[in-house]
Amino acid sequence: MKRKSKSIRELRRPRPTKTERDKVLIVTEGEKTEPDYFNRLIATLGLTTAKVRVSGEGGAAPVSVFEAAEQILIRDDDFEQVYVVFDRDEHESYDEAIAKVHGLSQRNAFRKKTIKAITSVPCFEVWFRLHASNSCKPYTGNAGGQTAAKALVSDLRTAEIHGEKVFSNYDKKNCEAFFRQLALHRSEAKTRSARVLSQAKARGDAEHHENPSTRVHLVVEALEKLSKNS
């Protein structure tokens, strides 16, 4: 069959650059805390929704967060970086979701994309606490019914940055009250987060089960790089 020749307009149309193609998708477990943080960070970095999409409609279970990310990517495969953000907490589908994210990254259609599970043990608030402290204190639930995540949030509320308890009134609605402090100490948090993971690996902790830990810094670094190259 004779190939259809391209029109002059098509020939003149510039090919999209790597930067133009490098769209980022962030799908989170929470509808409030995580999307609010990432949206504020995106605005701070001068990025737009044309570059980065944040979805907090994945539901509470890690596997449902994965499924939401998968459906978005199937509908719009323009995303070159996909981050599936969820907590260990007490979720039964945690390991299943991690395996599914890895499986998605290995599909032939998506092999050239960056697709990662961004886990936090026990919860996303580890990332906030790393702005104030490099504590590696592990968190577990207790007989009184307090979960590991609640124990961490309790510690977060007493954490200080340069003598100021910036998280004292912390709730999961938004980050407005303390985002400025997060922005000022983001570099320290990234360093601490990477160090915590390195130390956990040296101890022989299983990947994605390091307690406490978070991989949120990987998303932050990716957004910073995208901002720098835009």
Protein backbone atom coordinates (compact mmCIF):
# COMPACT_ATOMS: atom_id res chain seq x y z
CA MET A 1 0.00 0.00 0.00
CA LYS A 2 1.30 3.41 -0.97
CA ARG A 3 2.18 5.50 2.08
CA LYS A 4 0.27 8.74 2.40
CA SER A 5 2.62 11.67 2.04
CA LYS A 6 2.79 14.18 4.87
CA SER A 7 1.37 17.64 4.35
CA ILE A 8 3.63 20.69 4.42
CA ARG A 9 2.04 21.69 7.73
CA GLU A 10 2.90 18.30 9.26
CA LEU A 11 6.46 18.50 7.98
CA ARG A 12 6.91 21.95 9.47
CA ARG A 13 5.33 21.07 12.81
CA PRO A 14 8.12 20.88 15.40
CA ARG A 15 8.54 17.63 17.27
CA PRO A 16 7.87 17.95 20.99
CA THR A 17 11.02 18.30 23.03
CA LYS A 18 11.91 15.96 25.88
CA THR A 19 10.87 18.64 28.37
CA GLU A 20 7.50 19.10 26.65
CA ARG A 21 6.88 15.35 26.75
CA ASP A 22 8.02 14.83 30.33
CA LYS A 23 4.66 15.10 32.06
CA VAL A 24 4.30 13.86 35.62
CA LEU A 25 1.39 12.01 37.22
CA ILE A 26 1.12 11.78 41.01
CA VAL A 27 -1.70 9.63 42.37
CA THR A 28 -2.14 9.68 46.14
CA GLU A 29 -3.96 7.76 48.82
CA GLY A 30 -5.28 10.84 50.60
CA GLU A 31 -7.71 13.40 49.23
CA LYS A 32 -6.39 16.24 51.39
CA THR A 33 -2.90 16.10 52.92
CA GLU A 34 -0.89 14.67 50.04
CA PRO A 35 -2.59 16.53 47.15
CA ASP A 36 -2.44 19.79 49.10
CA TYR A 37 1.27 19.36 49.76
CA PHE A 38 2.15 18.44 46.18
CA ASN A 39 -0.01 21.18 44.67
CA ARG A 40 1.63 23.79 46.89
CA LEU A 41 5.06 22.45 45.98
CA ILE A 42 4.21 22.51 42.27
CA ALA A 43 3.12 26.14 42.53
CA THR A 44 6.25 27.05 44.47
CA LEU A 45 8.41 25.48 41.77
CA GLY A 46 6.60 27.39 39.02
CA LEU A 47 5.17 24.26 37.42
CA THR A 48 1.67 24.05 35.95
CA THR A 49 -1.11 21.50 35.74
CA ALA A 50 -0.15 21.09 32.10
CA LYS A 51 3.10 19.59 33.35
CA VAL A 52 2.01 17.84 36.53
CA ARG A 53 -1.28 16.21 37.44
CA VAL A 54 -2.05 15.37 41.06
CA SER A 55 -4.94 13.02 41.74
CA GLY A 56 -6.22 12.26 45.23
CA GLU A 57 -9.08 10.08 44.08
CA GLY A 58 -7.37 6.75 44.57
CA GLY A 59 -9.18 5.81 47.75
CA ALA A 60 -7.71 4.61 51.03
CA ALA A 61 -6.45 1.14 50.08
CA PRO A 62 -3.02 1.04 48.37
CA VAL A 63 -4.26 -1.32 45.66
CA SER A 64 -7.06 1.11 44.79
CA VAL A 65 -4.48 3.90 44.49
CA PHE A 66 -2.59 1.72 42.03
CA GLU A 67 -5.76 0.98 40.07
CA ALA A 68 -6.55 4.69 39.81
CA ALA A 69 -3.04 5.41 38.51
CA GLU A 70 -3.27 2.55 36.03
CA GLN A 71 -6.58 3.78 34.61
CA ILE A 72 -5.31 7.35 34.24
CA LEU A 73 -2.17 6.13 32.46
CA ILE A 74 -4.15 3.89 30.12
CA ARG A 75 -6.39 6.81 29.17
CA ASP A 76 -3.48 9.25 28.80
CA ASP A 77 -0.11 7.67 28.16
CA ASP A 78 1.57 11.07 27.68
CA PHE A 79 2.79 10.86 31.27
CA GLU A 80 6.47 9.94 31.33
CA GLN A 81 6.75 9.82 35.12
CA VAL A 82 4.15 8.16 37.32
CA TYR A 83 4.32 8.15 41.12
CA VAL A 84 1.87 6.06 43.12
CA VAL A 85 1.85 7.46 46.66
CA PHE A 86 0.51 5.41 49.57
CA ASP A 87 1.18 4.51 53.21
CA ARG A 88 2.06 1.28 54.96
CA ASP A 89 -0.18 2.08 57.95
CA GLU A 90 -2.26 -1.08 58.55
CA HIS A 91 -3.30 -1.67 54.95
CA GLU A 92 -3.71 -5.29 53.90
CA SER A 93 -3.12 -4.54 50.21
CA TYR A 94 0.21 -2.74 50.77
CA ASP A 95 2.53 -5.44 49.37
CA GLU A 96 0.07 -6.25 46.60
CA ALA A 97 0.07 -2.62 45.48
CA ILE A 98 3.88 -2.47 45.45
CA ALA A 99 4.00 -5.61 43.28
CA LYS A 100 1.38 -4.22 40.91
CA VAL A 101 3.24 -0.92 40.49
CA HIS A 102 6.38 -2.86 39.60
CA GLY A 103 4.40 -5.02 37.18
CA LEU A 104 2.99 -1.92 35.50
CA SER A 105 6.49 -0.55 34.99
CA GLN A 106 7.48 -3.78 33.22
CA ARG A 107 4.67 -3.79 30.67
CA ASN A 108 5.97 -3.35 27.15
CA ALA A 109 3.83 -0.26 26.59
CA PHE A 110 5.27 1.48 29.65
CA ARG A 111 8.86 0.22 29.90
CA LYS A 112 10.34 3.58 28.87
CA LYS A 113 8.42 5.43 31.57
CA THR A 114 9.42 6.03 35.17
CA ILE A 115 6.79 4.32 37.32
CA LYS A 116 7.43 4.07 41.05
CA ALA A 117 5.67 3.17 44.29
CA ILE A 118 6.23 6.06 46.70
CA THR A 119 5.69 4.45 50.07
CA SER A 120 5.81 5.85 53.58
CA VAL A 121 6.13 3.78 56.76
CA PRO A 122 3.99 4.18 58.71
CA CYS A 123 2.48 7.20 56.91
CA PHE A 124 3.06 10.29 54.75
CA GLU A 125 3.68 12.45 57.83
CA VAL A 126 7.16 10.90 58.10
CA TRP A 127 8.08 13.31 55.32
CA PHE A 128 6.93 16.31 57.34
CA ARG A 129 8.79 15.14 60.44
CA LEU A 130 12.03 14.80 58.48
CA HIS A 131 11.96 18.57 58.00
CA ALA A 132 12.47 18.87 61.75
CA SER A 133 14.34 15.75 62.80
CA ASN A 134 16.45 12.86 61.54
CA SER A 135 15.02 10.54 64.18
CA CYS A 136 14.88 6.88 63.14
CA LYS A 137 12.55 5.89 65.98
CA PRO A 138 10.34 3.04 64.70
CA TYR A 139 6.58 3.26 65.09
CA THR A 140 4.21 0.45 66.02
CA GLY A 141 0.66 0.23 67.26
CA ASN A 142 -0.09 -0.48 70.90
CA ALA A 143 -2.57 -2.45 72.96
CA GLY A 144 -4.51 0.71 73.68
CA GLY A 145 -5.59 0.96 70.06
CA GLN A 146 -3.19 3.67 68.93
CA THR A 147 -1.91 2.90 65.45
CA ALA A 148 1.66 3.49 64.32
CA ALA A 149 0.45 6.37 62.14
CA LYS A 150 -1.31 8.06 65.05
CA ALA A 151 1.80 7.68 67.21
CA LEU A 152 3.89 9.39 64.53
CA VAL A 153 1.40 12.26 64.15
CA SER A 154 1.50 12.71 67.92
CA ASP A 155 5.29 13.09 67.75
CA LEU A 156 4.96 15.41 64.75
CA ARG A 157 2.83 17.84 66.74
CA THR A 158 5.66 18.28 69.26
CA ALA A 159 8.47 18.46 66.67
CA GLU A 160 10.38 21.73 66.50
CA ILE A 161 12.13 23.56 63.69
CA HIS A 162 14.63 25.98 65.19
CA GLY A 163 12.74 25.96 68.47
CA GLU A 164 9.32 26.53 66.92
CA LYS A 165 6.57 23.90 67.12
CA VAL A 166 5.32 24.51 63.60
CA PHE A 167 3.15 21.37 63.51
CA SER A 168 1.42 21.88 66.88
CA ASN A 169 -2.01 22.32 65.30
CA TYR A 170 -1.48 19.75 62.57
CA ASP A 171 -4.50 18.19 60.94
CA LYS A 172 -4.96 16.46 57.61
CA LYS A 173 -6.92 19.23 55.91
CA ASN A 174 -4.04 21.20 54.42
CA CYS A 175 -0.44 22.35 54.81
CA GLU A 176 -1.06 26.08 54.68
CA ALA A 177 -0.07 26.77 58.30
CA PHE A 178 3.40 25.27 57.98
CA PHE A 179 4.18 25.00 54.26
CA ARG A 180 6.58 27.95 54.37
CA GLN A 181 8.73 26.09 56.91
CA LEU A 182 8.58 22.97 54.77
CA ALA A 183 9.80 24.95 51.77
CA LEU A 184 12.67 26.46 53.76
CA HIS A 185 13.87 23.07 55.02
CA ARG A 186 13.08 20.90 52.01
CA SER A 187 16.74 20.27 51.20
CA GLU A 188 17.43 19.01 54.73
CA ALA A 189 14.42 16.72 54.59
CA LYS A 190 15.58 15.20 51.29
CA THR A 191 19.02 14.50 52.72
CA ARG A 192 17.59 12.97 55.89
CA SER A 193 15.10 10.86 53.97
CA ALA A 194 17.78 9.38 51.71
CA ARG A 195 20.01 8.75 54.73
CA VAL A 196 17.26 6.95 56.63
CA LEU A 197 16.72 4.60 53.68
CA SER A 198 20.45 4.01 53.34
CA GLN A 199 20.76 3.15 57.03
CA ALA A 200 17.76 0.84 56.84
CA LYS A 201 19.26 -0.97 53.85
CA ALA A 202 22.50 -1.43 55.79
CA ARG A 203 20.49 -2.99 58.63
CA GLY A 204 18.93 -5.42 56.20
CA ASP A 205 15.39 -4.02 56.36
CA ALA A 206 13.09 -5.23 53.60
CA GLU A 207 12.49 -2.69 50.83
CA HIS A 208 9.36 -0.60 51.42
CA HIS A 209 9.20 -1.89 55.00
CA GLU A 210 11.87 0.35 56.53
CA ASN A 211 10.42 1.77 59.75
CA PRO A 212 10.24 4.73 59.67
CA SER A 213 10.84 5.80 56.09
CA THR A 214 9.44 7.59 53.08
CA ARG A 215 10.26 7.89 49.40
CA VAL A 216 8.51 11.22 48.93
CA HIS A 217 11.89 12.86 48.38
CA LEU A 218 12.11 11.02 45.04
CA VAL A 219 8.99 12.84 43.82
CA VAL A 220 10.25 16.15 45.19
CA GLU A 221 13.58 15.74 43.39
CA ALA A 222 11.81 14.84 40.14
CA LEU A 223 9.63 17.96 40.36
CA GLU A 224 12.63 20.15 41.16
CA LYS A 225 14.46 18.77 38.14
CA LEU A 226 11.44 19.33 35.91
CA SER A 227 11.18 22.91 37.17
CA LYS A 228 14.85 23.54 36.51
CA ASN A 229 14.61 22.20 32.96
CA SER A 230 11.35 23.95 32.06
